[in-house]
Amino acid sequence: MKERVIEILSGFGVPETAITEQTHFARDLGLDSLDSVDLIMQLEQEFGIRIPDEDYDKLTTLKGVLTYLQGEQAVA
């Protein structure tokens, strides 16, 4: 799962070596709000889930994304 998320992030021109679990997507990687929406859409498509708007603020770091996805898989 982690590798798949990193692969998606690298599609935004982010070197894989720049991504750690604590890396903040906007602050550290320079993703803007449009990039964030695109990232969430790609995560939804890749993992077959629906992410409600109110959960977007949980998805600002790799660790946050992984924790969220693991929770979604536990529910599914």
Protein backbone atom coordinates (compact mmCIF):
# COMPACT_ATOMS: atom_id res chain seq x y z
CA MET A 1 0.00 0.00 0.00
CA LYS A 2 2.76 2.43 0.94
CA GLU A 3 4.57 1.84 -2.34
CA ARG A 4 1.37 2.49 -4.32
CA VAL A 5 0.79 5.81 -2.53
CA ILE A 6 4.41 6.86 -3.08
CA GLU A 7 4.05 5.95 -6.76
CA ILE A 8 0.98 8.21 -7.01
CA LEU A 9 2.85 11.06 -5.30
CA SER A 10 5.80 10.66 -7.64
CA GLY A 11 3.36 11.41 -10.47
CA PHE A 12 3.28 14.98 -9.15
CA GLY A 13 6.99 15.34 -9.87
CA VAL A 14 8.01 14.48 -6.31
CA PRO A 15 11.17 12.36 -6.02
CA GLU A 16 10.48 9.21 -4.04
CA THR A 17 13.49 9.97 -1.84
CA ALA A 18 11.78 13.20 -0.69
CA ILE A 19 8.79 11.33 0.73
CA THR A 20 8.78 10.16 4.34
CA GLU A 21 5.83 9.32 6.55
CA GLN A 22 6.07 12.78 8.14
CA THR A 23 6.43 14.76 4.89
CA HIS A 24 3.61 17.31 4.63
CA PHE A 25 2.28 17.34 1.07
CA ALA A 26 1.64 21.10 0.84
CA ARG A 27 4.30 22.52 3.13
CA ASP A 28 7.19 20.17 2.25
CA LEU A 29 6.35 19.05 -1.29
CA GLY A 30 4.59 22.16 -2.59
CA LEU A 31 1.33 20.49 -3.59
CA ASP A 32 -1.42 23.08 -3.96
CA SER A 33 -5.15 22.64 -3.42
CA LEU A 34 -5.73 21.38 -6.97
CA ASP A 35 -2.94 18.83 -6.54
CA SER A 36 -4.53 17.71 -3.27
CA VAL A 37 -7.90 17.15 -4.94
CA ASP A 38 -6.19 15.26 -7.77
CA LEU A 39 -4.29 13.14 -5.23
CA ILE A 40 -7.51 12.27 -3.40
CA MET A 41 -9.23 11.34 -6.66
CA GLN A 42 -6.32 9.08 -7.56
CA LEU A 43 -6.40 7.46 -4.11
CA GLU A 44 -10.13 6.84 -4.48
CA GLN A 45 -9.62 5.24 -7.86
CA GLU A 46 -6.56 3.20 -6.86
CA PHE A 47 -8.05 1.81 -3.66
CA GLY A 48 -11.73 1.66 -4.68
CA ILE A 49 -12.95 3.90 -1.87
CA ARG A 50 -14.90 7.15 -1.48
CA ILE A 51 -13.24 9.83 0.63
CA PRO A 52 -15.71 12.40 2.00
CA ASP A 53 -14.73 16.08 1.87
CA GLU A 54 -14.60 16.28 5.67
CA ASP A 55 -11.78 13.68 5.71
CA TYR A 56 -9.46 15.63 3.39
CA ASP A 57 -7.65 17.26 6.31
CA LYS A 58 -6.57 13.80 7.52
CA LEU A 59 -4.68 13.23 4.27
CA THR A 60 -1.85 15.75 4.48
CA THR A 61 1.05 13.36 5.12
CA LEU A 62 1.98 9.87 3.94
CA LYS A 63 1.38 8.57 7.46
CA GLY A 64 -2.07 10.18 7.51
CA VAL A 65 -2.95 8.63 4.15
CA LEU A 66 -1.74 5.17 5.20
CA THR A 67 -3.62 5.33 8.51
CA TYR A 68 -6.78 6.43 6.71
CA LEU A 69 -6.52 3.71 4.06
CA GLN A 70 -5.89 1.01 6.67
CA GLY A 71 -8.99 2.17 8.53
CA GLU A 72 -11.03 2.05 5.34
CA GLN A 73 -9.84 -1.46 4.55
CA ALA A 74 -10.77 -2.61 8.06
CA VAL A 75 -14.31 -1.32 7.50
CA ALA A 76 -14.68 -2.83 4.02
